[in-house]
Amino acid sequence: DTAVEGIIKAAHTGKIGDGKIFVS
């Protein structure tokens, strides 16, 4: 959970194409 939150905060620009995260 903390890793996903960290990735979201770091990768977020607010524009289309920011990306996706997959957890398996």
PDBML (XML) file of the C-alpha atoms, coordinates in Angstrom:
<?xml version="1.0" encoding="UTF-8" ?>
<PDBx:datablock datablockName="MODEL"
   xmlns:PDBx="http://pdbml.pdb.org/schema/pdbx-v50.xsd"
   xmlns:xsi="http://www.w3.org/2001/XMLSchema-instance"
   xsi:schemaLocation="http://pdbml.pdb.org/schema/pdbx-v50.xsd pdbx-v50.xsd">
   <PDBx:atom_siteCategory>
      <PDBx:atom_site id="1">
         <PDBx:B_iso_or_equiv>0.00</PDBx:B_iso_or_equiv>
         <PDBx:Cartn_x>0.000</PDBx:Cartn_x>
         <PDBx:Cartn_y>0.000</PDBx:Cartn_y>
         <PDBx:Cartn_z>0.000</PDBx:Cartn_z>
         <PDBx:auth_asym_id>A</PDBx:auth_asym_id>
         <PDBx:auth_atom_id>CA</PDBx:auth_atom_id>
         <PDBx:auth_comp_id>ASP</PDBx:auth_comp_id>
         <PDBx:auth_seq_id>1</PDBx:auth_seq_id>
         <PDBx:group_PDB>ATOM</PDBx:group_PDB>
         <PDBx:label_alt_id xsi:nil="true" />
         <PDBx:label_asym_id>A</PDBx:label_asym_id>
         <PDBx:label_atom_id>CA</PDBx:label_atom_id>
         <PDBx:label_comp_id>ASP</PDBx:label_comp_id>
         <PDBx:label_entity_id>1</PDBx:label_entity_id>
         <PDBx:label_seq_id>1</PDBx:label_seq_id>
         <PDBx:occupancy>1.00</PDBx:occupancy>
         <PDBx:pdbx_PDB_model_num>1</PDBx:pdbx_PDB_model_num>
         <PDBx:type_symbol>C</PDBx:type_symbol>
      </PDBx:atom_site>
      <PDBx:atom_site id="2">
         <PDBx:B_iso_or_equiv>0.00</PDBx:B_iso_or_equiv>
         <PDBx:Cartn_x>2.726</PDBx:Cartn_x>
         <PDBx:Cartn_y>2.505</PDBx:Cartn_y>
         <PDBx:Cartn_z>0.861</PDBx:Cartn_z>
         <PDBx:auth_asym_id>A</PDBx:auth_asym_id>
         <PDBx:auth_atom_id>CA</PDBx:auth_atom_id>
         <PDBx:auth_comp_id>THR</PDBx:auth_comp_id>
         <PDBx:auth_seq_id>2</PDBx:auth_seq_id>
         <PDBx:group_PDB>ATOM</PDBx:group_PDB>
         <PDBx:label_alt_id xsi:nil="true" />
         <PDBx:label_asym_id>A</PDBx:label_asym_id>
         <PDBx:label_atom_id>CA</PDBx:label_atom_id>
         <PDBx:label_comp_id>THR</PDBx:label_comp_id>
         <PDBx:label_entity_id>1</PDBx:label_entity_id>
         <PDBx:label_seq_id>2</PDBx:label_seq_id>
         <PDBx:occupancy>1.00</PDBx:occupancy>
         <PDBx:pdbx_PDB_model_num>1</PDBx:pdbx_PDB_model_num>
         <PDBx:type_symbol>C</PDBx:type_symbol>
      </PDBx:atom_site>
      <PDBx:atom_site id="3">
         <PDBx:B_iso_or_equiv>0.00</PDBx:B_iso_or_equiv>
         <PDBx:Cartn_x>4.687</PDBx:Cartn_x>
         <PDBx:Cartn_y>1.628</PDBx:Cartn_y>
         <PDBx:Cartn_z>-2.292</PDBx:Cartn_z>
         <PDBx:auth_asym_id>A</PDBx:auth_asym_id>
         <PDBx:auth_atom_id>CA</PDBx:auth_atom_id>
         <PDBx:auth_comp_id>ALA</PDBx:auth_comp_id>
         <PDBx:auth_seq_id>3</PDBx:auth_seq_id>
         <PDBx:group_PDB>ATOM</PDBx:group_PDB>
         <PDBx:label_alt_id xsi:nil="true" />
         <PDBx:label_asym_id>A</PDBx:label_asym_id>
         <PDBx:label_atom_id>CA</PDBx:label_atom_id>
         <PDBx:label_comp_id>ALA</PDBx:label_comp_id>
         <PDBx:label_entity_id>1</PDBx:label_entity_id>
         <PDBx:label_seq_id>3</PDBx:label_seq_id>
         <PDBx:occupancy>1.00</PDBx:occupancy>
         <PDBx:pdbx_PDB_model_num>1</PDBx:pdbx_PDB_model_num>
         <PDBx:type_symbol>C</PDBx:type_symbol>
      </PDBx:atom_site>
      <PDBx:atom_site id="4">
         <PDBx:B_iso_or_equiv>0.00</PDBx:B_iso_or_equiv>
         <PDBx:Cartn_x>1.618</PDBx:Cartn_x>
         <PDBx:Cartn_y>2.133</PDBx:Cartn_y>
         <PDBx:Cartn_z>-4.495</PDBx:Cartn_z>
         <PDBx:auth_asym_id>A</PDBx:auth_asym_id>
         <PDBx:auth_atom_id>CA</PDBx:auth_atom_id>
         <PDBx:auth_comp_id>VAL</PDBx:auth_comp_id>
         <PDBx:auth_seq_id>4</PDBx:auth_seq_id>
         <PDBx:group_PDB>ATOM</PDBx:group_PDB>
         <PDBx:label_alt_id xsi:nil="true" />
         <PDBx:label_asym_id>A</PDBx:label_asym_id>
         <PDBx:label_atom_id>CA</PDBx:label_atom_id>
         <PDBx:label_comp_id>VAL</PDBx:label_comp_id>
         <PDBx:label_entity_id>1</PDBx:label_entity_id>
         <PDBx:label_seq_id>4</PDBx:label_seq_id>
         <PDBx:occupancy>1.00</PDBx:occupancy>
         <PDBx:pdbx_PDB_model_num>1</PDBx:pdbx_PDB_model_num>
         <PDBx:type_symbol>C</PDBx:type_symbol>
      </PDBx:atom_site>
      <PDBx:atom_site id="5">
         <PDBx:B_iso_or_equiv>0.00</PDBx:B_iso_or_equiv>
         <PDBx:Cartn_x>0.872</PDBx:Cartn_x>
         <PDBx:Cartn_y>5.463</PDBx:Cartn_y>
         <PDBx:Cartn_z>-2.786</PDBx:Cartn_z>
         <PDBx:auth_asym_id>A</PDBx:auth_asym_id>
         <PDBx:auth_atom_id>CA</PDBx:auth_atom_id>
         <PDBx:auth_comp_id>GLU</PDBx:auth_comp_id>
         <PDBx:auth_seq_id>5</PDBx:auth_seq_id>
         <PDBx:group_PDB>ATOM</PDBx:group_PDB>
         <PDBx:label_alt_id xsi:nil="true" />
         <PDBx:label_asym_id>A</PDBx:label_asym_id>
         <PDBx:label_atom_id>CA</PDBx:label_atom_id>
         <PDBx:label_comp_id>GLU</PDBx:label_comp_id>
         <PDBx:label_entity_id>1</PDBx:label_entity_id>
         <PDBx:label_seq_id>5</PDBx:label_seq_id>
         <PDBx:occupancy>1.00</PDBx:occupancy>
         <PDBx:pdbx_PDB_model_num>1</PDBx:pdbx_PDB_model_num>
         <PDBx:type_symbol>C</PDBx:type_symbol>
      </PDBx:atom_site>
      <PDBx:atom_site id="6">
         <PDBx:B_iso_or_equiv>0.00</PDBx:B_iso_or_equiv>
         <PDBx:Cartn_x>4.495</PDBx:Cartn_x>
         <PDBx:Cartn_y>6.539</PDBx:Cartn_y>
         <PDBx:Cartn_z>-3.280</PDBx:Cartn_z>
         <PDBx:auth_asym_id>A</PDBx:auth_asym_id>
         <PDBx:auth_atom_id>CA</PDBx:auth_atom_id>
         <PDBx:auth_comp_id>GLY</PDBx:auth_comp_id>
         <PDBx:auth_seq_id>6</PDBx:auth_seq_id>
         <PDBx:group_PDB>ATOM</PDBx:group_PDB>
         <PDBx:label_alt_id xsi:nil="true" />
         <PDBx:label_asym_id>A</PDBx:label_asym_id>
         <PDBx:label_atom_id>CA</PDBx:label_atom_id>
         <PDBx:label_comp_id>GLY</PDBx:label_comp_id>
         <PDBx:label_entity_id>1</PDBx:label_entity_id>
         <PDBx:label_seq_id>6</PDBx:label_seq_id>
         <PDBx:occupancy>1.00</PDBx:occupancy>
         <PDBx:pdbx_PDB_model_num>1</PDBx:pdbx_PDB_model_num>
         <PDBx:type_symbol>C</PDBx:type_symbol>
      </PDBx:atom_site>
      <PDBx:atom_site id="7">
         <PDBx:B_iso_or_equiv>0.00</PDBx:B_iso_or_equiv>
         <PDBx:Cartn_x>4.411</PDBx:Cartn_x>
         <PDBx:Cartn_y>5.657</PDBx:Cartn_y>
         <PDBx:Cartn_z>-6.973</PDBx:Cartn_z>
         <PDBx:auth_asym_id>A</PDBx:auth_asym_id>
         <PDBx:auth_atom_id>CA</PDBx:auth_atom_id>
         <PDBx:auth_comp_id>ILE</PDBx:auth_comp_id>
         <PDBx:auth_seq_id>7</PDBx:auth_seq_id>
         <PDBx:group_PDB>ATOM</PDBx:group_PDB>
         <PDBx:label_alt_id xsi:nil="true" />
         <PDBx:label_asym_id>A</PDBx:label_asym_id>
         <PDBx:label_atom_id>CA</PDBx:label_atom_id>
         <PDBx:label_comp_id>ILE</PDBx:label_comp_id>
         <PDBx:label_entity_id>1</PDBx:label_entity_id>
         <PDBx:label_seq_id>7</PDBx:label_seq_id>
         <PDBx:occupancy>1.00</PDBx:occupancy>
         <PDBx:pdbx_PDB_model_num>1</PDBx:pdbx_PDB_model_num>
         <PDBx:type_symbol>C</PDBx:type_symbol>
      </PDBx:atom_site>
      <PDBx:atom_site id="8">
         <PDBx:B_iso_or_equiv>0.00</PDBx:B_iso_or_equiv>
         <PDBx:Cartn_x>1.132</PDBx:Cartn_x>
         <PDBx:Cartn_y>7.512</PDBx:Cartn_y>
         <PDBx:Cartn_z>-7.466</PDBx:Cartn_z>
         <PDBx:auth_asym_id>A</PDBx:auth_asym_id>
         <PDBx:auth_atom_id>CA</PDBx:auth_atom_id>
         <PDBx:auth_comp_id>ILE</PDBx:auth_comp_id>
         <PDBx:auth_seq_id>8</PDBx:auth_seq_id>
         <PDBx:group_PDB>ATOM</PDBx:group_PDB>
         <PDBx:label_alt_id xsi:nil="true" />
         <PDBx:label_asym_id>A</PDBx:label_asym_id>
         <PDBx:label_atom_id>CA</PDBx:label_atom_id>
         <PDBx:label_comp_id>ILE</PDBx:label_comp_id>
         <PDBx:label_entity_id>1</PDBx:label_entity_id>
         <PDBx:label_seq_id>8</PDBx:label_seq_id>
         <PDBx:occupancy>1.00</PDBx:occupancy>
         <PDBx:pdbx_PDB_model_num>1</PDBx:pdbx_PDB_model_num>
         <PDBx:type_symbol>C</PDBx:type_symbol>
      </PDBx:atom_site>
      <PDBx:atom_site id="9">
         <PDBx:B_iso_or_equiv>0.00</PDBx:B_iso_or_equiv>
         <PDBx:Cartn_x>2.466</PDBx:Cartn_x>
         <PDBx:Cartn_y>10.666</PDBx:Cartn_y>
         <PDBx:Cartn_z>-5.781</PDBx:Cartn_z>
         <PDBx:auth_asym_id>A</PDBx:auth_asym_id>
         <PDBx:auth_atom_id>CA</PDBx:auth_atom_id>
         <PDBx:auth_comp_id>LYS</PDBx:auth_comp_id>
         <PDBx:auth_seq_id>9</PDBx:auth_seq_id>
         <PDBx:group_PDB>ATOM</PDBx:group_PDB>
         <PDBx:label_alt_id xsi:nil="true" />
         <PDBx:label_asym_id>A</PDBx:label_asym_id>
         <PDBx:label_atom_id>CA</PDBx:label_atom_id>
         <PDBx:label_comp_id>LYS</PDBx:label_comp_id>
         <PDBx:label_entity_id>1</PDBx:label_entity_id>
         <PDBx:label_seq_id>9</PDBx:label_seq_id>
         <PDBx:occupancy>1.00</PDBx:occupancy>
         <PDBx:pdbx_PDB_model_num>1</PDBx:pdbx_PDB_model_num>
         <PDBx:type_symbol>C</PDBx:type_symbol>
      </PDBx:atom_site>
      <PDBx:atom_site id="10">
         <PDBx:B_iso_or_equiv>0.00</PDBx:B_iso_or_equiv>
         <PDBx:Cartn_x>5.746</PDBx:Cartn_x>
         <PDBx:Cartn_y>10.554</PDBx:Cartn_y>
         <PDBx:Cartn_z>-7.700</PDBx:Cartn_z>
         <PDBx:auth_asym_id>A</PDBx:auth_asym_id>
         <PDBx:auth_atom_id>CA</PDBx:auth_atom_id>
         <PDBx:auth_comp_id>ALA</PDBx:auth_comp_id>
         <PDBx:auth_seq_id>10</PDBx:auth_seq_id>
         <PDBx:group_PDB>ATOM</PDBx:group_PDB>
         <PDBx:label_alt_id xsi:nil="true" />
         <PDBx:label_asym_id>A</PDBx:label_asym_id>
         <PDBx:label_atom_id>CA</PDBx:label_atom_id>
         <PDBx:label_comp_id>ALA</PDBx:label_comp_id>
         <PDBx:label_entity_id>1</PDBx:label_entity_id>
         <PDBx:label_seq_id>10</PDBx:label_seq_id>
         <PDBx:occupancy>1.00</PDBx:occupancy>
         <PDBx:pdbx_PDB_model_num>1</PDBx:pdbx_PDB_model_num>
         <PDBx:type_symbol>C</PDBx:type_symbol>
      </PDBx:atom_site>
      <PDBx:atom_site id="11">
         <PDBx:B_iso_or_equiv>0.00</PDBx:B_iso_or_equiv>
         <PDBx:Cartn_x>4.275</PDBx:Cartn_x>
         <PDBx:Cartn_y>9.767</PDBx:Cartn_y>
         <PDBx:Cartn_z>-11.144</PDBx:Cartn_z>
         <PDBx:auth_asym_id>A</PDBx:auth_asym_id>
         <PDBx:auth_atom_id>CA</PDBx:auth_atom_id>
         <PDBx:auth_comp_id>ALA</PDBx:auth_comp_id>
         <PDBx:auth_seq_id>11</PDBx:auth_seq_id>
         <PDBx:group_PDB>ATOM</PDBx:group_PDB>
         <PDBx:label_alt_id xsi:nil="true" />
         <PDBx:label_asym_id>A</PDBx:label_asym_id>
         <PDBx:label_atom_id>CA</PDBx:label_atom_id>
         <PDBx:label_comp_id>ALA</PDBx:label_comp_id>
         <PDBx:label_entity_id>1</PDBx:label_entity_id>
         <PDBx:label_seq_id>11</PDBx:label_seq_id>
         <PDBx:occupancy>1.00</PDBx:occupancy>
         <PDBx:pdbx_PDB_model_num>1</PDBx:pdbx_PDB_model_num>
         <PDBx:type_symbol>C</PDBx:type_symbol>
      </PDBx:atom_site>
      <PDBx:atom_site id="12">
         <PDBx:B_iso_or_equiv>0.00</PDBx:B_iso_or_equiv>
         <PDBx:Cartn_x>1.207</PDBx:Cartn_x>
         <PDBx:Cartn_y>12.025</PDBx:Cartn_y>
         <PDBx:Cartn_z>-11.009</PDBx:Cartn_z>
         <PDBx:auth_asym_id>A</PDBx:auth_asym_id>
         <PDBx:auth_atom_id>CA</PDBx:auth_atom_id>
         <PDBx:auth_comp_id>HIS</PDBx:auth_comp_id>
         <PDBx:auth_seq_id>12</PDBx:auth_seq_id>
         <PDBx:group_PDB>ATOM</PDBx:group_PDB>
         <PDBx:label_alt_id xsi:nil="true" />
         <PDBx:label_asym_id>A</PDBx:label_asym_id>
         <PDBx:label_atom_id>CA</PDBx:label_atom_id>
         <PDBx:label_comp_id>HIS</PDBx:label_comp_id>
         <PDBx:label_entity_id>1</PDBx:label_entity_id>
         <PDBx:label_seq_id>12</PDBx:label_seq_id>
         <PDBx:occupancy>1.00</PDBx:occupancy>
         <PDBx:pdbx_PDB_model_num>1</PDBx:pdbx_PDB_model_num>
         <PDBx:type_symbol>C</PDBx:type_symbol>
      </PDBx:atom_site>
      <PDBx:atom_site id="13">
         <PDBx:B_iso_or_equiv>0.00</PDBx:B_iso_or_equiv>
         <PDBx:Cartn_x>1.030</PDBx:Cartn_x>
         <PDBx:Cartn_y>15.004</PDBx:Cartn_y>
         <PDBx:Cartn_z>-13.373</PDBx:Cartn_z>
         <PDBx:auth_asym_id>A</PDBx:auth_asym_id>
         <PDBx:auth_atom_id>CA</PDBx:auth_atom_id>
         <PDBx:auth_comp_id>THR</PDBx:auth_comp_id>
         <PDBx:auth_seq_id>13</PDBx:auth_seq_id>
         <PDBx:group_PDB>ATOM</PDBx:group_PDB>
         <PDBx:label_alt_id xsi:nil="true" />
         <PDBx:label_asym_id>A</PDBx:label_asym_id>
         <PDBx:label_atom_id>CA</PDBx:label_atom_id>
         <PDBx:label_comp_id>THR</PDBx:label_comp_id>
         <PDBx:label_entity_id>1</PDBx:label_entity_id>
         <PDBx:label_seq_id>13</PDBx:label_seq_id>
         <PDBx:occupancy>1.00</PDBx:occupancy>
         <PDBx:pdbx_PDB_model_num>1</PDBx:pdbx_PDB_model_num>
         <PDBx:type_symbol>C</PDBx:type_symbol>
      </PDBx:atom_site>
      <PDBx:atom_site id="14">
         <PDBx:B_iso_or_equiv>0.00</PDBx:B_iso_or_equiv>
         <PDBx:Cartn_x>-2.751</PDBx:Cartn_x>
         <PDBx:Cartn_y>15.268</PDBx:Cartn_y>
         <PDBx:Cartn_z>-13.601</PDBx:Cartn_z>
         <PDBx:auth_asym_id>A</PDBx:auth_asym_id>
         <PDBx:auth_atom_id>CA</PDBx:auth_atom_id>
         <PDBx:auth_comp_id>GLY</PDBx:auth_comp_id>
         <PDBx:auth_seq_id>14</PDBx:auth_seq_id>
         <PDBx:group_PDB>ATOM</PDBx:group_PDB>
         <PDBx:label_alt_id xsi:nil="true" />
         <PDBx:label_asym_id>A</PDBx:label_asym_id>
         <PDBx:label_atom_id>CA</PDBx:label_atom_id>
         <PDBx:label_comp_id>GLY</PDBx:label_comp_id>
         <PDBx:label_entity_id>1</PDBx:label_entity_id>
         <PDBx:label_seq_id>14</PDBx:label_seq_id>
         <PDBx:occupancy>1.00</PDBx:occupancy>
         <PDBx:pdbx_PDB_model_num>1</PDBx:pdbx_PDB_model_num>
         <PDBx:type_symbol>C</PDBx:type_symbol>
      </PDBx:atom_site>
      <PDBx:atom_site id="15">
         <PDBx:B_iso_or_equiv>0.00</PDBx:B_iso_or_equiv>
         <PDBx:Cartn_x>-2.673</PDBx:Cartn_x>
         <PDBx:Cartn_y>14.885</PDBx:Cartn_y>
         <PDBx:Cartn_z>-17.373</PDBx:Cartn_z>
         <PDBx:auth_asym_id>A</PDBx:auth_asym_id>
         <PDBx:auth_atom_id>CA</PDBx:auth_atom_id>
         <PDBx:auth_comp_id>LYS</PDBx:auth_comp_id>
         <PDBx:auth_seq_id>15</PDBx:auth_seq_id>
         <PDBx:group_PDB>ATOM</PDBx:group_PDB>
         <PDBx:label_alt_id xsi:nil="true" />
         <PDBx:label_asym_id>A</PDBx:label_asym_id>
         <PDBx:label_atom_id>CA</PDBx:label_atom_id>
         <PDBx:label_comp_id>LYS</PDBx:label_comp_id>
         <PDBx:label_entity_id>1</PDBx:label_entity_id>
         <PDBx:label_seq_id>15</PDBx:label_seq_id>
         <PDBx:occupancy>1.00</PDBx:occupancy>
         <PDBx:pdbx_PDB_model_num>1</PDBx:pdbx_PDB_model_num>
         <PDBx:type_symbol>C</PDBx:type_symbol>
      </PDBx:atom_site>
      <PDBx:atom_site id="16">
         <PDBx:B_iso_or_equiv>0.00</PDBx:B_iso_or_equiv>
         <PDBx:Cartn_x>-3.796</PDBx:Cartn_x>
         <PDBx:Cartn_y>12.023</PDBx:Cartn_y>
         <PDBx:Cartn_z>-19.564</PDBx:Cartn_z>
         <PDBx:auth_asym_id>A</PDBx:auth_asym_id>
         <PDBx:auth_atom_id>CA</PDBx:auth_atom_id>
         <PDBx:auth_comp_id>ILE</PDBx:auth_comp_id>
         <PDBx:auth_seq_id>16</PDBx:auth_seq_id>
         <PDBx:group_PDB>ATOM</PDBx:group_PDB>
         <PDBx:label_alt_id xsi:nil="true" />
         <PDBx:label_asym_id>A</PDBx:label_asym_id>
         <PDBx:label_atom_id>CA</PDBx:label_atom_id>
         <PDBx:label_comp_id>ILE</PDBx:label_comp_id>
         <PDBx:label_entity_id>1</PDBx:label_entity_id>
         <PDBx:label_seq_id>16</PDBx:label_seq_id>
         <PDBx:occupancy>1.00</PDBx:occupancy>
         <PDBx:pdbx_PDB_model_num>1</PDBx:pdbx_PDB_model_num>
         <PDBx:type_symbol>C</PDBx:type_symbol>
      </PDBx:atom_site>
      <PDBx:atom_site id="17">
         <PDBx:B_iso_or_equiv>0.00</PDBx:B_iso_or_equiv>
         <PDBx:Cartn_x>-1.115</PDBx:Cartn_x>
         <PDBx:Cartn_y>9.361</PDBx:Cartn_y>
         <PDBx:Cartn_z>-19.969</PDBx:Cartn_z>
         <PDBx:auth_asym_id>A</PDBx:auth_asym_id>
         <PDBx:auth_atom_id>CA</PDBx:auth_atom_id>
         <PDBx:auth_comp_id>GLY</PDBx:auth_comp_id>
         <PDBx:auth_seq_id>17</PDBx:auth_seq_id>
         <PDBx:group_PDB>ATOM</PDBx:group_PDB>
         <PDBx:label_alt_id xsi:nil="true" />
         <PDBx:label_asym_id>A</PDBx:label_asym_id>
         <PDBx:label_atom_id>CA</PDBx:label_atom_id>
         <PDBx:label_comp_id>GLY</PDBx:label_comp_id>
         <PDBx:label_entity_id>1</PDBx:label_entity_id>
         <PDBx:label_seq_id>17</PDBx:label_seq_id>
         <PDBx:occupancy>1.00</PDBx:occupancy>
         <PDBx:pdbx_PDB_model_num>1</PDBx:pdbx_PDB_model_num>
         <PDBx:type_symbol>C</PDBx:type_symbol>
      </PDBx:atom_site>
      <PDBx:atom_site id="18">
         <PDBx:B_iso_or_equiv>0.00</PDBx:B_iso_or_equiv>
         <PDBx:Cartn_x>0.192</PDBx:Cartn_x>
         <PDBx:Cartn_y>9.360</PDBx:Cartn_y>
         <PDBx:Cartn_z>-16.384</PDBx:Cartn_z>
         <PDBx:auth_asym_id>A</PDBx:auth_asym_id>
         <PDBx:auth_atom_id>CA</PDBx:auth_atom_id>
         <PDBx:auth_comp_id>ASP</PDBx:auth_comp_id>
         <PDBx:auth_seq_id>18</PDBx:auth_seq_id>
         <PDBx:group_PDB>ATOM</PDBx:group_PDB>
         <PDBx:label_alt_id xsi:nil="true" />
         <PDBx:label_asym_id>A</PDBx:label_asym_id>
         <PDBx:label_atom_id>CA</PDBx:label_atom_id>
         <PDBx:label_comp_id>ASP</PDBx:label_comp_id>
         <PDBx:label_entity_id>1</PDBx:label_entity_id>
         <PDBx:label_seq_id>18</PDBx:label_seq_id>
         <PDBx:occupancy>1.00</PDBx:occupancy>
         <PDBx:pdbx_PDB_model_num>1</PDBx:pdbx_PDB_model_num>
         <PDBx:type_symbol>C</PDBx:type_symbol>
      </PDBx:atom_site>
      <PDBx:atom_site id="19">
         <PDBx:B_iso_or_equiv>0.00</PDBx:B_iso_or_equiv>
         <PDBx:Cartn_x>0.200</PDBx:Cartn_x>
         <PDBx:Cartn_y>5.561</PDBx:Cartn_y>
         <PDBx:Cartn_z>-16.533</PDBx:Cartn_z>
         <PDBx:auth_asym_id>A</PDBx:auth_asym_id>
         <PDBx:auth_atom_id>CA</PDBx:auth_atom_id>
         <PDBx:auth_comp_id>GLY</PDBx:auth_comp_id>
         <PDBx:auth_seq_id>19</PDBx:auth_seq_id>
         <PDBx:group_PDB>ATOM</PDBx:group_PDB>
         <PDBx:label_alt_id xsi:nil="true" />
         <PDBx:label_asym_id>A</PDBx:label_asym_id>
         <PDBx:label_atom_id>CA</PDBx:label_atom_id>
         <PDBx:label_comp_id>GLY</PDBx:label_comp_id>
         <PDBx:label_entity_id>1</PDBx:label_entity_id>
         <PDBx:label_seq_id>19</PDBx:label_seq_id>
         <PDBx:occupancy>1.00</PDBx:occupancy>
         <PDBx:pdbx_PDB_model_num>1</PDBx:pdbx_PDB_model_num>
         <PDBx:type_symbol>C</PDBx:type_symbol>
      </PDBx:atom_site>
      <PDBx:atom_site id="20">
         <PDBx:B_iso_or_equiv>0.00</PDBx:B_iso_or_equiv>
         <PDBx:Cartn_x>-1.079</PDBx:Cartn_x>
         <PDBx:Cartn_y>2.536</PDBx:Cartn_y>
         <PDBx:Cartn_z>-14.659</PDBx:Cartn_z>
         <PDBx:auth_asym_id>A</PDBx:auth_asym_id>
         <PDBx:auth_atom_id>CA</PDBx:auth_atom_id>
         <PDBx:auth_comp_id>LYS</PDBx:auth_comp_id>
         <PDBx:auth_seq_id>20</PDBx:auth_seq_id>
         <PDBx:group_PDB>ATOM</PDBx:group_PDB>
         <PDBx:label_alt_id xsi:nil="true" />
         <PDBx:label_asym_id>A</PDBx:label_asym_id>
         <PDBx:label_atom_id>CA</PDBx:label_atom_id>
         <PDBx:label_comp_id>LYS</PDBx:label_comp_id>
         <PDBx:label_entity_id>1</PDBx:label_entity_id>
         <PDBx:label_seq_id>20</PDBx:label_seq_id>
         <PDBx:occupancy>1.00</PDBx:occupancy>
         <PDBx:pdbx_PDB_model_num>1</PDBx:pdbx_PDB_model_num>
         <PDBx:type_symbol>C</PDBx:type_symbol>
      </PDBx:atom_site>
      <PDBx:atom_site id="21">
         <PDBx:B_iso_or_equiv>0.00</PDBx:B_iso_or_equiv>
         <PDBx:Cartn_x>-0.048</PDBx:Cartn_x>
         <PDBx:Cartn_y>0.349</PDBx:Cartn_y>
         <PDBx:Cartn_z>-11.732</PDBx:Cartn_z>
         <PDBx:auth_asym_id>A</PDBx:auth_asym_id>
         <PDBx:auth_atom_id>CA</PDBx:auth_atom_id>
         <PDBx:auth_comp_id>ILE</PDBx:auth_comp_id>
         <PDBx:auth_seq_id>21</PDBx:auth_seq_id>
         <PDBx:group_PDB>ATOM</PDBx:group_PDB>
         <PDBx:label_alt_id xsi:nil="true" />
         <PDBx:label_asym_id>A</PDBx:label_asym_id>
         <PDBx:label_atom_id>CA</PDBx:label_atom_id>
         <PDBx:label_comp_id>ILE</PDBx:label_comp_id>
         <PDBx:label_entity_id>1</PDBx:label_entity_id>
         <PDBx:label_seq_id>21</PDBx:label_seq_id>
         <PDBx:occupancy>1.00</PDBx:occupancy>
         <PDBx:pdbx_PDB_model_num>1</PDBx:pdbx_PDB_model_num>
         <PDBx:type_symbol>C</PDBx:type_symbol>
      </PDBx:atom_site>
      <PDBx:atom_site id="22">
         <PDBx:B_iso_or_equiv>0.00</PDBx:B_iso_or_equiv>
         <PDBx:Cartn_x>-0.599</PDBx:Cartn_x>
         <PDBx:Cartn_y>-3.400</PDBx:Cartn_y>
         <PDBx:Cartn_z>-11.695</PDBx:Cartn_z>
         <PDBx:auth_asym_id>A</PDBx:auth_asym_id>
         <PDBx:auth_atom_id>CA</PDBx:auth_atom_id>
         <PDBx:auth_comp_id>PHE</PDBx:auth_comp_id>
         <PDBx:auth_seq_id>22</PDBx:auth_seq_id>
         <PDBx:group_PDB>ATOM</PDBx:group_PDB>
         <PDBx:label_alt_id xsi:nil="true" />
         <PDBx:label_asym_id>A</PDBx:label_asym_id>
         <PDBx:label_atom_id>CA</PDBx:label_atom_id>
         <PDBx:label_comp_id>PHE</PDBx:label_comp_id>
         <PDBx:label_entity_id>1</PDBx:label_entity_id>
         <PDBx:label_seq_id>22</PDBx:label_seq_id>
         <PDBx:occupancy>1.00</PDBx:occupancy>
         <PDBx:pdbx_PDB_model_num>1</PDBx:pdbx_PDB_model_num>
         <PDBx:type_symbol>C</PDBx:type_symbol>
      </PDBx:atom_site>
      <PDBx:atom_site id="23">
         <PDBx:B_iso_or_equiv>0.00</PDBx:B_iso_or_equiv>
         <PDBx:Cartn_x>-0.259</PDBx:Cartn_x>
         <PDBx:Cartn_y>-5.456</PDBx:Cartn_y>
         <PDBx:Cartn_z>-8.492</PDBx:Cartn_z>
         <PDBx:auth_asym_id>A</PDBx:auth_asym_id>
         <PDBx:auth_atom_id>CA</PDBx:auth_atom_id>
         <PDBx:auth_comp_id>VAL</PDBx:auth_comp_id>
         <PDBx:auth_seq_id>23</PDBx:auth_seq_id>
         <PDBx:group_PDB>ATOM</PDBx:group_PDB>
         <PDBx:label_alt_id xsi:nil="true" />
         <PDBx:label_asym_id>A</PDBx:label_asym_id>
         <PDBx:label_atom_id>CA</PDBx:label_atom_id>
         <PDBx:label_comp_id>VAL</PDBx:label_comp_id>
         <PDBx:label_entity_id>1</PDBx:label_entity_id>
         <PDBx:label_seq_id>23</PDBx:label_seq_id>
         <PDBx:occupancy>1.00</PDBx:occupancy>
         <PDBx:pdbx_PDB_model_num>1</PDBx:pdbx_PDB_model_num>
         <PDBx:type_symbol>C</PDBx:type_symbol>
      </PDBx:atom_site>
      <PDBx:atom_site id="24">
         <PDBx:B_iso_or_equiv>0.00</PDBx:B_iso_or_equiv>
         <PDBx:Cartn_x>-0.048</PDBx:Cartn_x>
         <PDBx:Cartn_y>-9.241</PDBx:Cartn_y>
         <PDBx:Cartn_z>-8.678</PDBx:Cartn_z>
         <PDBx:auth_asym_id>A</PDBx:auth_asym_id>
         <PDBx:auth_atom_id>CA</PDBx:auth_atom_id>
         <PDBx:auth_comp_id>SER</PDBx:auth_comp_id>
         <PDBx:auth_seq_id>24</PDBx:auth_seq_id>
         <PDBx:group_PDB>ATOM</PDBx:group_PDB>
         <PDBx:label_alt_id xsi:nil="true" />
         <PDBx:label_asym_id>A</PDBx:label_asym_id>
         <PDBx:label_atom_id>CA</PDBx:label_atom_id>
         <PDBx:label_comp_id>SER</PDBx:label_comp_id>
         <PDBx:label_entity_id>1</PDBx:label_entity_id>
         <PDBx:label_seq_id>24</PDBx:label_seq_id>
         <PDBx:occupancy>1.00</PDBx:occupancy>
         <PDBx:pdbx_PDB_model_num>1</PDBx:pdbx_PDB_model_num>
         <PDBx:type_symbol>C</PDBx:type_symbol>
      </PDBx:atom_site>
   </PDBx:atom_siteCategory>
</PDBx:datablock>
